[in-house]
Amino acid sequence: MRVSMSELRHRITFLRPVTDTDDEGNILAQTTQEVGKAWALVLPFAAKISDGYAEKVQEVDYRIVIRYCKDVKVTDRIRWGDKTLTPIAPPYPLGGKKRWLVMECRELVEDG
């Protein structure tokens, strides 16, 4: 996969989970905190096809490429427009070089 700077056209936001606990360690509330933004290339790469007809896809997988950044954690969620994406694999550098970072994420689609 080759990526150039001109292909980074999508604005994404990194959301990090934050939990509030009491003195005993019980979780009181779990929220997300915005920790950063980046320009990205977002590519959908999952399609489910059966007998030549497209099935209703309940999960959509995306591959996201950004400039290399070591601040991204596996637990971070990604907001892209009105979609919230959850990582399904640890982020990895494209081609083993620290120029691009690839994240594979999944969007759970609600029935409606």
Protein backbone atom coordinates (compact mmCIF):
# COMPACT_ATOMS: atom_id res chain seq x y z
CA MET A 1 0.00 0.00 0.00
CA ARG A 2 1.38 3.40 -0.96
CA VAL A 3 0.14 6.55 0.71
CA SER A 4 0.88 10.18 -0.06
CA MET A 5 0.12 13.26 2.03
CA SER A 6 -2.51 14.45 -0.48
CA GLU A 7 -4.63 11.35 0.29
CA LEU A 8 -5.12 12.29 3.96
CA ARG A 9 -8.53 13.93 3.46
CA HIS A 10 -10.55 12.70 6.44
CA ARG A 11 -10.44 14.36 9.85
CA ILE A 12 -10.53 11.89 12.74
CA THR A 13 -10.62 12.38 16.50
CA PHE A 14 -9.03 10.06 19.07
CA LEU A 15 -11.22 9.28 22.10
CA ARG A 16 -9.63 7.72 25.18
CA PRO A 17 -11.83 5.91 27.75
CA VAL A 18 -11.86 7.44 31.23
CA THR A 19 -13.31 5.59 34.21
CA ASP A 20 -14.29 7.07 37.56
CA THR A 21 -13.97 4.65 40.47
CA ASP A 22 -14.85 4.80 44.14
CA ASP A 23 -12.53 3.91 47.05
CA GLU A 24 -13.18 0.17 46.63
CA GLY A 25 -12.38 0.21 42.91
CA ASN A 26 -15.96 -0.07 41.65
CA ILE A 27 -16.59 1.69 38.36
CA LEU A 28 -18.96 4.61 38.86
CA ALA A 29 -18.94 6.07 35.36
CA GLN A 30 -17.14 5.47 32.10
CA THR A 31 -16.77 8.28 29.60
CA THR A 32 -14.43 9.19 26.76
CA GLN A 33 -12.06 12.11 26.54
CA GLU A 34 -10.87 13.70 23.31
CA VAL A 35 -7.07 13.37 23.22
CA GLY A 36 -6.19 14.46 19.70
CA LYS A 37 -7.10 14.94 16.06
CA ALA A 38 -5.38 13.91 12.84
CA TRP A 39 -5.80 13.90 9.09
CA ALA A 40 -6.29 10.36 7.84
CA LEU A 41 -7.00 8.13 4.89
CA VAL A 42 -10.04 6.00 5.80
CA LEU A 43 -10.62 2.92 3.65
CA PRO A 44 -13.57 0.54 4.15
CA PHE A 45 -12.36 -2.98 3.46
CA ALA A 46 -15.09 -5.37 4.61
CA ALA A 47 -17.91 -6.63 2.42
CA LYS A 48 -20.11 -9.65 2.94
CA ILE A 49 -21.46 -11.19 -0.26
CA SER A 50 -23.54 -14.35 -0.53
CA ASP A 51 -24.81 -15.93 -3.77
CA GLY A 52 -24.11 -12.73 -5.71
CA TYR A 53 -26.36 -10.62 -3.51
CA ALA A 54 -25.06 -8.26 -0.85
CA GLU A 55 -26.11 -9.21 2.65
CA LYS A 56 -26.97 -6.67 5.30
CA VAL A 57 -23.63 -5.94 6.92
CA GLN A 58 -23.85 -5.63 10.69
CA GLU A 59 -20.13 -4.88 11.09
CA VAL A 60 -18.12 -2.64 8.81
CA ASP A 61 -14.32 -2.79 8.97
CA TYR A 62 -12.08 0.14 8.11
CA ARG A 63 -8.36 0.58 7.59
CA ILE A 64 -7.15 4.00 8.73
CA VAL A 65 -3.75 5.45 7.80
CA ILE A 66 -2.28 8.50 9.57
CA ARG A 67 1.17 10.03 9.93
CA TYR A 68 3.19 8.00 12.42
CA CYS A 69 2.34 8.90 16.00
CA LYS A 70 3.42 6.97 19.09
CA ASP A 71 0.67 8.47 21.28
CA VAL A 72 -2.09 6.22 19.86
CA LYS A 73 -3.16 3.45 22.26
CA VAL A 74 -4.98 0.20 21.54
CA THR A 75 -7.86 1.26 23.80
CA ASP A 76 -8.49 4.54 21.93
CA ARG A 77 -11.69 4.84 19.92
CA ILE A 78 -11.84 6.87 16.75
CA ARG A 79 -14.59 9.29 15.77
CA TRP A 80 -14.91 9.87 12.03
CA GLY A 81 -17.80 12.16 11.18
CA ASP A 82 -20.79 10.66 13.01
CA LYS A 83 -19.22 7.18 13.24
CA THR A 84 -17.38 5.76 16.24
CA LEU A 85 -14.83 3.11 15.31
CA THR A 86 -13.30 0.54 17.67
CA PRO A 87 -9.80 -0.87 17.00
CA ILE A 88 -9.72 -4.61 16.26
CA ALA A 89 -5.92 -4.89 16.15
CA PRO A 90 -2.97 -2.96 17.59
CA PRO A 91 -1.77 -0.06 15.40
CA TYR A 92 1.27 -0.94 13.30
CA PRO A 93 3.73 1.05 11.16
CA LEU A 94 3.18 0.64 7.42
CA GLY A 95 6.06 -1.29 5.87
CA GLY A 96 7.85 -1.41 9.22
CA LYS A 97 8.96 2.22 8.88
CA LYS A 98 7.92 5.03 11.21
CA ARG A 99 6.32 7.17 8.54
CA TRP A 100 2.70 5.95 8.45
CA LEU A 101 0.60 4.28 11.15
CA VAL A 102 -2.16 1.83 10.19
CA MET A 103 -5.15 1.12 12.42
CA GLU A 104 -7.75 -1.52 11.66
CA CYS A 105 -11.11 -0.63 13.16
CA ARG A 106 -14.70 -1.83 13.22
CA GLU A 107 -17.97 0.06 13.24
CA LEU A 108 -20.92 -1.73 14.79
CA VAL A 109 -24.02 -0.84 12.78
CA GLU A 110 -27.25 -0.54 14.74
CA ASP A 111 -30.43 -2.11 13.33
CA GLY A 112 -32.89 0.52 12.35
